[in-house]
């Protein structure tokens, strides 16, 4: 084997040996716990937030996914998937939170992982309703 051919094969093998590490890193569990120090309000009488007046609807704002589970039951979660940070959304049809990137799913009532690659629940925030005002806090 000539020196040039030997070096080509050696460098190719070295490159291939790094591939598994790159693949493993690309789908590793990320630290996507969501925003901290969350503290904002939503006025349900404004058109921008009116969707939350209907059971089963949701709204993504300020890094948070707010869901109306019933007229008096609202929940809020970080809308970054805990697997790799993709934006999750609420599926009214399935009644759960879904991640479009790798098929992760979460409970709408608790934020717990239901399936897919995520291993950590979504960060849940406290939601209180006073009249037409929702307050979301960490």
Protein backbone atom coordinates (compact mmCIF):
# COMPACT_ATOMS: atom_id res chain seq x y z
CA UNK A 1 0.00 0.00 0.00
CA UNK A 2 1.32 3.40 -0.93
CA UNK A 3 1.76 6.09 1.69
CA UNK A 4 -0.89 8.32 0.11
CA UNK A 5 -3.48 5.52 0.11
CA UNK A 6 -2.55 4.57 3.69
CA UNK A 7 -3.07 8.15 4.92
CA UNK A 8 -6.43 8.43 3.13
CA UNK A 9 -7.71 5.24 4.76
CA UNK A 10 -6.32 6.21 8.16
CA UNK A 11 -7.99 9.62 8.11
CA UNK A 12 -11.24 8.09 6.86
CA UNK A 13 -11.25 5.57 9.73
CA UNK A 14 -10.47 8.32 12.23
CA UNK A 15 -13.39 10.36 10.90
CA UNK A 16 -15.73 7.36 11.08
CA UNK A 17 -14.70 6.68 14.65
CA UNK A 18 -15.99 10.13 15.64
CA UNK A 19 -19.36 9.59 13.95
CA UNK A 20 -21.03 7.58 16.77
CA UNK A 21 -20.18 10.31 19.28
CA UNK A 22 -21.65 12.97 16.99
CA UNK A 23 -24.80 10.94 16.45
CA UNK A 24 -25.22 10.28 20.17
CA UNK A 25 -24.75 13.97 20.94
CA UNK A 26 -27.27 15.04 18.32
CA UNK A 27 -30.06 13.17 20.07
CA UNK A 28 -29.01 13.47 23.67
CA UNK A 29 -31.23 14.70 26.44
CA UNK A 30 -30.90 18.44 26.53
CA UNK A 31 -31.39 20.66 29.51
CA UNK A 32 -34.53 22.42 28.35
CA UNK A 33 -36.30 23.23 31.56
CA UNK A 34 -37.93 26.38 30.17
CA UNK A 35 -37.86 29.97 31.32
CA UNK A 36 -37.23 30.81 34.95
CA UNK A 37 -38.68 33.70 36.92
CA UNK A 38 -41.93 33.53 34.98
CA UNK A 39 -44.40 36.18 36.10
CA UNK A 40 -46.89 37.61 33.63
CA UNK A 41 -50.62 38.12 33.18
CA UNK A 42 -53.02 37.49 30.32
CA UNK A 43 -56.23 39.48 29.97
CA UNK A 44 -58.83 37.06 28.57
CA UNK A 45 -60.92 39.95 27.21
CA UNK A 46 -58.28 40.96 24.65
CA UNK A 47 -58.42 39.44 21.18
CA UNK A 48 -54.84 38.16 21.48
CA UNK A 49 -55.79 35.96 24.46
CA UNK A 50 -59.47 35.25 23.67
CA UNK A 51 -58.65 31.74 22.42
CA UNK A 52 -58.17 30.74 26.07
CA UNK A 53 -61.88 31.32 26.73
CA UNK A 54 -62.65 28.03 24.97
CA UNK A 55 -61.99 24.65 26.59
CA UNK A 56 -59.29 22.73 24.74
CA UNK A 57 -57.59 25.78 23.25
CA UNK A 58 -54.06 26.89 24.01
CA UNK A 59 -51.76 29.85 23.60
CA UNK A 60 -47.95 29.99 23.42
CA UNK A 61 -46.49 33.19 24.81
CA UNK A 62 -43.38 34.27 26.75
CA UNK A 63 -41.85 30.79 26.38
CA UNK A 64 -44.91 29.26 28.03
CA UNK A 65 -47.76 27.11 26.68
CA UNK A 66 -51.04 27.95 28.43
CA UNK A 67 -53.93 25.49 28.03
CA UNK A 68 -57.60 25.89 28.95
CA UNK A 69 -58.63 22.44 30.23
CA UNK A 70 -62.02 23.73 31.43
CA UNK A 71 -63.68 27.07 32.22
CA UNK A 72 -61.96 27.11 35.61
CA UNK A 73 -58.90 24.93 34.99
CA UNK A 74 -55.85 26.37 33.24
CA UNK A 75 -52.36 24.89 33.12
CA UNK A 76 -49.08 26.31 31.88
CA UNK A 77 -45.82 24.61 30.86
CA UNK A 78 -42.52 25.54 29.30
CA UNK A 79 -43.08 25.11 25.59
CA UNK A 80 -39.58 23.83 24.93
CA UNK A 81 -39.49 20.03 24.77
CA UNK A 82 -37.18 18.61 27.42
CA UNK A 83 -35.58 16.34 24.83
CA UNK A 84 -34.06 18.87 22.44
CA UNK A 85 -35.90 22.12 22.93
CA UNK A 86 -38.34 21.96 20.01
CA UNK A 87 -41.52 23.96 20.51
CA UNK A 88 -44.34 21.74 21.76
CA UNK A 89 -48.02 22.35 21.15
CA UNK A 90 -51.29 21.17 22.62
CA UNK A 91 -53.36 18.75 20.55
CA UNK A 92 -57.04 19.20 21.32
CA UNK A 93 -57.81 16.04 19.33
CA UNK A 94 -55.46 13.85 21.40
CA UNK A 95 -55.76 15.76 24.67
CA UNK A 96 -52.00 15.88 25.14
CA UNK A 97 -48.96 18.01 24.45
CA UNK A 98 -46.94 16.89 21.43
CA UNK A 99 -43.43 17.54 20.19
CA UNK A 100 -43.15 17.50 16.38
CA UNK A 101 -39.40 16.86 16.25
CA UNK A 102 -39.06 13.34 17.65
CA UNK A 103 -42.59 12.29 18.56
CA UNK A 104 -42.50 13.10 22.24
CA UNK A 105 -45.79 13.44 24.11
CA UNK A 106 -46.70 14.87 27.50
CA UNK A 107 -49.76 14.82 29.76
CA UNK A 108 -51.81 18.00 29.47
CA UNK A 109 -52.82 17.83 33.13
CA UNK A 110 -49.40 17.15 34.67
CA UNK A 111 -46.71 17.70 32.01
CA UNK A 112 -45.42 14.15 32.60
CA UNK A 113 -43.77 12.27 29.74
CA UNK A 114 -46.20 9.90 28.00
CA UNK A 115 -44.00 8.70 25.16
CA UNK A 116 -41.08 9.30 22.84
CA UNK A 117 -37.51 10.20 23.68
CA UNK A 118 -38.05 12.88 26.36
CA UNK A 119 -37.10 11.59 29.79
CA UNK A 120 -38.10 14.64 31.81
CA UNK A 121 -41.51 16.23 32.37
CA UNK A 122 -42.22 19.73 31.13
CA UNK A 123 -41.66 22.50 33.63
CA UNK A 124 -45.05 23.42 35.07
CA UNK A 125 -46.00 26.94 36.13
CA UNK A 126 -48.69 28.12 38.53
CA UNK A 127 -51.80 29.59 36.93
CA UNK A 128 -54.39 31.59 38.87
CA UNK A 129 -57.52 33.17 37.47
CA UNK A 130 -59.03 36.32 38.97
CA UNK A 131 -61.99 37.49 36.92
CA UNK A 132 -60.72 37.75 33.34
CA UNK A 133 -57.04 37.84 34.29
CA UNK A 134 -54.76 34.81 34.26
CA UNK A 135 -51.52 35.12 36.22
CA UNK A 136 -48.73 32.70 35.31
CA UNK A 137 -45.80 32.36 37.73
CA UNK A 138 -42.88 30.04 38.25
